[in-house]
Amino acid sequence: MIHIEQIRPELTWRLRQRILYPEQKLYEMEMEEDNNGLHFAAFKDDAIVAVVSLFAKGDDYQFRKFAVDDNLQGKGIGKQILDHITDFAQTNGAKRLWCNARLSAIGFYIKLGFEHTGQFFTRHGFDYEILEKDITPLSARQ
């Protein structure tokens, strides 16, 4: 059984480091923007098994540092936490949800309704594409 809660930013760092940046130190996981974001974790048996950080600019929401415990990937936890932040963003007036997706994760996002933008870049040795999803509520679409 998974449950999702909003958490303090520093609670994301351990999983963020272990899954996304194993070669870096734990203290390097802190982002200056962390204090401007909302942070969510999926818990299984009181342990954090997935984390994601969400940042809003008006009705444009970006999620970053999305990590699922490597022993639990492929079990739907990533989809659950992504659905949770999508609902959260929509409730708060978001029209677009987007991320810088590592190329290795693009298939996951496309299956969940994200679309290619064709905008690619490389940062810290990883290749990314910006992916986006229109989450404007149907009732608000013209």
C-alpha atoms as a PDB file:
ATOM      1  CA  MET A   1       0.000   0.000   0.000  1.00  0.00           C
ATOM      2  CA  ILE A   2       1.408   3.366  -1.072  1.00  0.00           C
ATOM      3  CA  HIS A   3       0.416   6.734   0.340  1.00  0.00           C
ATOM      4  CA  ILE A   4       1.643  10.123  -0.860  1.00  0.00           C
ATOM      5  CA  GLU A   5       2.332  13.134   1.325  1.00  0.00           C
ATOM      6  CA  GLN A   6       3.858  16.564   0.971  1.00  0.00           C
ATOM      7  CA  ILE A   7       7.250  16.617   2.729  1.00  0.00           C
ATOM      8  CA  ARG A   8      10.101  18.983   3.617  1.00  0.00           C
ATOM      9  CA  PRO A   9      12.706  19.375   0.835  1.00  0.00           C
ATOM     10  CA  GLU A  10      15.548  17.761   2.779  1.00  0.00           C
ATOM     11  CA  LEU A  11      13.563  14.515   2.991  1.00  0.00           C
ATOM     12  CA  THR A  12      13.916  14.167  -0.799  1.00  0.00           C
ATOM     13  CA  TRP A  13      17.696  14.322  -0.808  1.00  0.00           C
ATOM     14  CA  ARG A  14      18.664  10.748   0.119  1.00  0.00           C
ATOM     15  CA  LEU A  15      16.566   9.071  -2.589  1.00  0.00           C
ATOM     16  CA  ARG A  16      17.335  11.880  -5.062  1.00  0.00           C
ATOM     17  CA  GLN A  17      21.044  11.231  -4.558  1.00  0.00           C
ATOM     18  CA  ARG A  18      20.915   7.405  -4.563  1.00  0.00           C
ATOM     19  CA  ILE A  19      18.818   7.089  -7.740  1.00  0.00           C
ATOM     20  CA  LEU A  20      19.700  10.150  -9.831  1.00  0.00           C
ATOM     21  CA  TYR A  21      23.206  11.191  -8.788  1.00  0.00           C
ATOM     22  CA  PRO A  22      24.968   8.287  -7.040  1.00  0.00           C
ATOM     23  CA  GLU A  23      28.390   9.818  -7.743  1.00  0.00           C
ATOM     24  CA  GLN A  24      27.568  12.998  -5.832  1.00  0.00           C
ATOM     25  CA  LYS A  25      27.526  13.766  -2.122  1.00  0.00           C
ATOM     26  CA  LEU A  26      24.275  14.003  -0.175  1.00  0.00           C
ATOM     27  CA  TYR A  27      24.804  17.701   0.615  1.00  0.00           C
ATOM     28  CA  GLU A  28      25.031  18.396  -3.142  1.00  0.00           C
ATOM     29  CA  MET A  29      21.371  17.400  -3.546  1.00  0.00           C
ATOM     30  CA  GLU A  30      20.066  20.651  -2.109  1.00  0.00           C
ATOM     31  CA  MET A  31      18.834  23.013  -4.818  1.00  0.00           C
ATOM     32  CA  GLU A  32      18.485  26.712  -4.165  1.00  0.00           C
ATOM     33  CA  GLU A  33      14.980  26.502  -5.636  1.00  0.00           C
ATOM     34  CA  ASP A  34      13.947  23.812  -3.121  1.00  0.00           C
ATOM     35  CA  ASN A  35      12.516  26.482  -0.835  1.00  0.00           C
ATOM     36  CA  ASN A  36      10.288  27.741  -3.662  1.00  0.00           C
ATOM     37  CA  GLY A  37       8.887  24.327  -4.488  1.00  0.00           C
ATOM     38  CA  LEU A  38       6.557  21.717  -3.126  1.00  0.00           C
ATOM     39  CA  HIS A  39       7.956  18.284  -2.420  1.00  0.00           C
ATOM     40  CA  PHE A  40       6.101  14.996  -2.397  1.00  0.00           C
ATOM     41  CA  ALA A  41       7.002  11.476  -1.361  1.00  0.00           C
ATOM     42  CA  ALA A  42       5.412   8.100  -1.807  1.00  0.00           C
ATOM     43  CA  PHE A  43       5.639   5.999   1.342  1.00  0.00           C
ATOM     44  CA  LYS A  44       5.531   2.220   1.585  1.00  0.00           C
ATOM     45  CA  ASP A  45       5.681   0.757   5.096  1.00  0.00           C
ATOM     46  CA  ASP A  46       6.728   4.195   6.435  1.00  0.00           C
ATOM     47  CA  ALA A  47       9.758   4.331   4.111  1.00  0.00           C
ATOM     48  CA  ILE A  48      10.133   6.907   1.340  1.00  0.00           C
ATOM     49  CA  VAL A  49      10.129   5.004  -1.960  1.00  0.00           C
ATOM     50  CA  ALA A  50       9.620   7.859  -4.450  1.00  0.00           C
ATOM     51  CA  VAL A  51      10.149  11.618  -4.434  1.00  0.00           C
ATOM     52  CA  VAL A  52       9.391  14.519  -6.731  1.00  0.00           C
ATOM     53  CA  SER A  53       9.629  18.301  -6.477  1.00  0.00           C
ATOM     54  CA  LEU A  54       7.083  20.630  -8.082  1.00  0.00           C
ATOM     55  CA  PHE A  55       7.621  24.264  -9.049  1.00  0.00           C
ATOM     56  CA  ALA A  56       4.928  26.680 -10.225  1.00  0.00           C
ATOM     57  CA  LYS A  57       5.240  29.757 -12.410  1.00  0.00           C
ATOM     58  CA  GLY A  58       1.692  30.985 -12.841  1.00  0.00           C
ATOM     59  CA  ASP A  59      -0.263  28.193 -14.534  1.00  0.00           C
ATOM     60  CA  ASP A  60       2.936  26.493 -15.720  1.00  0.00           C
ATOM     61  CA  TYR A  61       4.163  23.707 -13.404  1.00  0.00           C
ATOM     62  CA  GLN A  62       7.504  21.936 -13.713  1.00  0.00           C
ATOM     63  CA  PHE A  63       8.422  18.806 -11.811  1.00  0.00           C
ATOM     64  CA  ARG A  64      12.037  17.953 -11.116  1.00  0.00           C
ATOM     65  CA  LYS A  65      14.222  15.442  -9.325  1.00  0.00           C
ATOM     66  CA  PHE A  66      11.708  12.618  -9.774  1.00  0.00           C
ATOM     67  CA  ALA A  67      13.123   9.397  -8.351  1.00  0.00           C
ATOM     68  CA  VAL A  68      11.645   5.985  -7.550  1.00  0.00           C
ATOM     69  CA  ASP A  69      13.534   3.427  -5.479  1.00  0.00           C
ATOM     70  CA  ASP A  70      15.318   1.173  -7.966  1.00  0.00           C
ATOM     71  CA  ASN A  71      14.004  -1.969  -6.219  1.00  0.00           C
ATOM     72  CA  LEU A  72      10.409  -0.810  -6.765  1.00  0.00           C
ATOM     73  CA  GLN A  73      10.529   0.593 -10.298  1.00  0.00           C
ATOM     74  CA  GLY A  74       8.001  -0.862 -12.726  1.00  0.00           C
ATOM     75  CA  LYS A  75       5.349  -1.380 -10.022  1.00  0.00           C
ATOM     76  CA  GLY A  76       3.216   1.697 -10.746  1.00  0.00           C
ATOM     77  CA  ILE A  77       4.583   3.889  -7.935  1.00  0.00           C
ATOM     78  CA  GLY A  78       5.979   6.465 -10.372  1.00  0.00           C
ATOM     79  CA  LYS A  79       2.608   6.690 -12.111  1.00  0.00           C
ATOM     80  CA  GLN A  80       0.830   7.111  -8.745  1.00  0.00           C
ATOM     81  CA  ILE A  81       3.018   9.990  -7.607  1.00  0.00           C
ATOM     82  CA  LEU A  82       2.852  11.627 -11.057  1.00  0.00           C
ATOM     83  CA  ASP A  83      -0.957  11.337 -11.012  1.00  0.00           C
ATOM     84  CA  HIS A  84      -0.919  12.890  -7.531  1.00  0.00           C
ATOM     85  CA  ILE A  85       1.101  15.947  -8.553  1.00  0.00           C
ATOM     86  CA  THR A  86      -0.927  16.287 -11.775  1.00  0.00           C
ATOM     87  CA  ASP A  87      -4.147  16.420  -9.729  1.00  0.00           C
ATOM     88  CA  PHE A  88      -2.502  18.825  -7.273  1.00  0.00           C
ATOM     89  CA  ALA A  89      -1.352  21.128 -10.090  1.00  0.00           C
ATOM     90  CA  GLN A  90      -4.764  21.045 -11.810  1.00  0.00           C
ATOM     91  CA  THR A  91      -6.520  21.848  -8.528  1.00  0.00           C
ATOM     92  CA  ASN A  92      -4.232  24.855  -8.211  1.00  0.00           C
ATOM     93  CA  GLY A  93      -4.990  26.166 -11.718  1.00  0.00           C
ATOM     94  CA  ALA A  94      -2.178  24.623 -13.760  1.00  0.00           C
ATOM     95  CA  LYS A  95      -2.593  24.379 -17.507  1.00  0.00           C
ATOM     96  CA  ARG A  96       0.755  22.820 -18.393  1.00  0.00           C
ATOM     97  CA  LEU A  97       2.899  20.262 -16.596  1.00  0.00           C
ATOM     98  CA  TRP A  98       6.418  19.720 -17.894  1.00  0.00           C
ATOM     99  CA  CYS A  99       9.793  18.243 -17.107  1.00  0.00           C
ATOM    100  CA  ASN A 100      13.323  17.854 -18.352  1.00  0.00           C
ATOM    101  CA  ALA A 101      13.209  14.122 -19.021  1.00  0.00           C
ATOM    102  CA  ARG A 102      16.327  12.022 -19.191  1.00  0.00           C
ATOM    103  CA  LEU A 103      16.314  10.243 -22.549  1.00  0.00           C
ATOM    104  CA  SER A 104      16.240   6.901 -20.697  1.00  0.00           C
ATOM    105  CA  ALA A 105      12.893   7.863 -19.090  1.00  0.00           C
ATOM    106  CA  ILE A 106      11.062   9.293 -22.111  1.00  0.00           C
ATOM    107  CA  GLY A 107       9.067   6.112 -22.779  1.00  0.00           C
ATOM    108  CA  PHE A 108       7.645   6.239 -19.245  1.00  0.00           C
ATOM    109  CA  TYR A 109       6.406   9.811 -19.689  1.00  0.00           C
ATOM    110  CA  ILE A 110       4.995   9.268 -23.191  1.00  0.00           C
ATOM    111  CA  LYS A 111       2.914   6.335 -21.860  1.00  0.00           C
ATOM    112  CA  LEU A 112       1.455   8.741 -19.296  1.00  0.00           C
ATOM    113  CA  GLY A 113       0.345  11.288 -21.890  1.00  0.00           C
ATOM    114  CA  PHE A 114       3.342  13.612 -22.077  1.00  0.00           C
ATOM    115  CA  GLU A 115       4.359  14.909 -25.491  1.00  0.00           C
ATOM    116  CA  HIS A 116       7.684  15.581 -27.156  1.00  0.00           C
ATOM    117  CA  THR A 117       8.726  19.210 -27.625  1.00  0.00           C
ATOM    118  CA  GLY A 118      11.824  18.406 -29.670  1.00  0.00           C
ATOM    119  CA  GLN A 119      13.863  20.573 -27.295  1.00  0.00           C
ATOM    120  CA  PHE A 120      16.971  18.599 -26.319  1.00  0.00           C
ATOM    121  CA  PHE A 121      19.927  19.554 -24.147  1.00  0.00           C
ATOM    122  CA  THR A 122      22.750  18.020 -22.137  1.00  0.00           C
ATOM    123  CA  ARG A 123      23.527  18.894 -18.522  1.00  0.00           C
ATOM    124  CA  HIS A 124      26.014  17.273 -16.140  1.00  0.00           C
ATOM    125  CA  GLY A 125      26.637  14.426 -18.587  1.00  0.00           C
ATOM    126  CA  PHE A 126      22.956  13.526 -19.055  1.00  0.00           C
ATOM    127  CA  ASP A 127      20.880  14.041 -22.213  1.00  0.00           C
ATOM    128  CA  TYR A 128      17.369  15.443 -21.778  1.00  0.00           C
ATOM    129  CA  GLU A 129      14.283  16.368 -23.750  1.00  0.00           C
ATOM    130  CA  ILE A 130      11.672  18.772 -22.459  1.00  0.00           C
ATOM    131  CA  LEU A 131       8.345  16.920 -22.327  1.00  0.00           C
ATOM    132  CA  GLU A 132       4.996  18.538 -21.597  1.00  0.00           C
ATOM    133  CA  LYS A 133       1.371  17.724 -20.963  1.00  0.00           C
ATOM    134  CA  ASP A 134      -1.657  19.999 -21.312  1.00  0.00           C
ATOM    135  CA  ILE A 135      -3.547  19.583 -18.047  1.00  0.00           C
ATOM    136  CA  THR A 136      -6.049  22.376 -18.554  1.00  0.00           C
ATOM    137  CA  PRO A 137      -9.331  21.058 -17.138  1.00  0.00           C
ATOM    138  CA  LEU A 138     -11.694  20.099 -19.971  1.00  0.00           C
ATOM    139  CA  SER A 139     -14.273  22.564 -18.645  1.00  0.00           C
ATOM    140  CA  ALA A 140     -11.781  25.435 -19.146  1.00  0.00           C
ATOM    141  CA  ARG A 141     -10.696  24.548 -22.683  1.00  0.00           C
ATOM    142  CA  GLN A 142     -12.035  26.776 -25.435  1.00  0.00           C
END
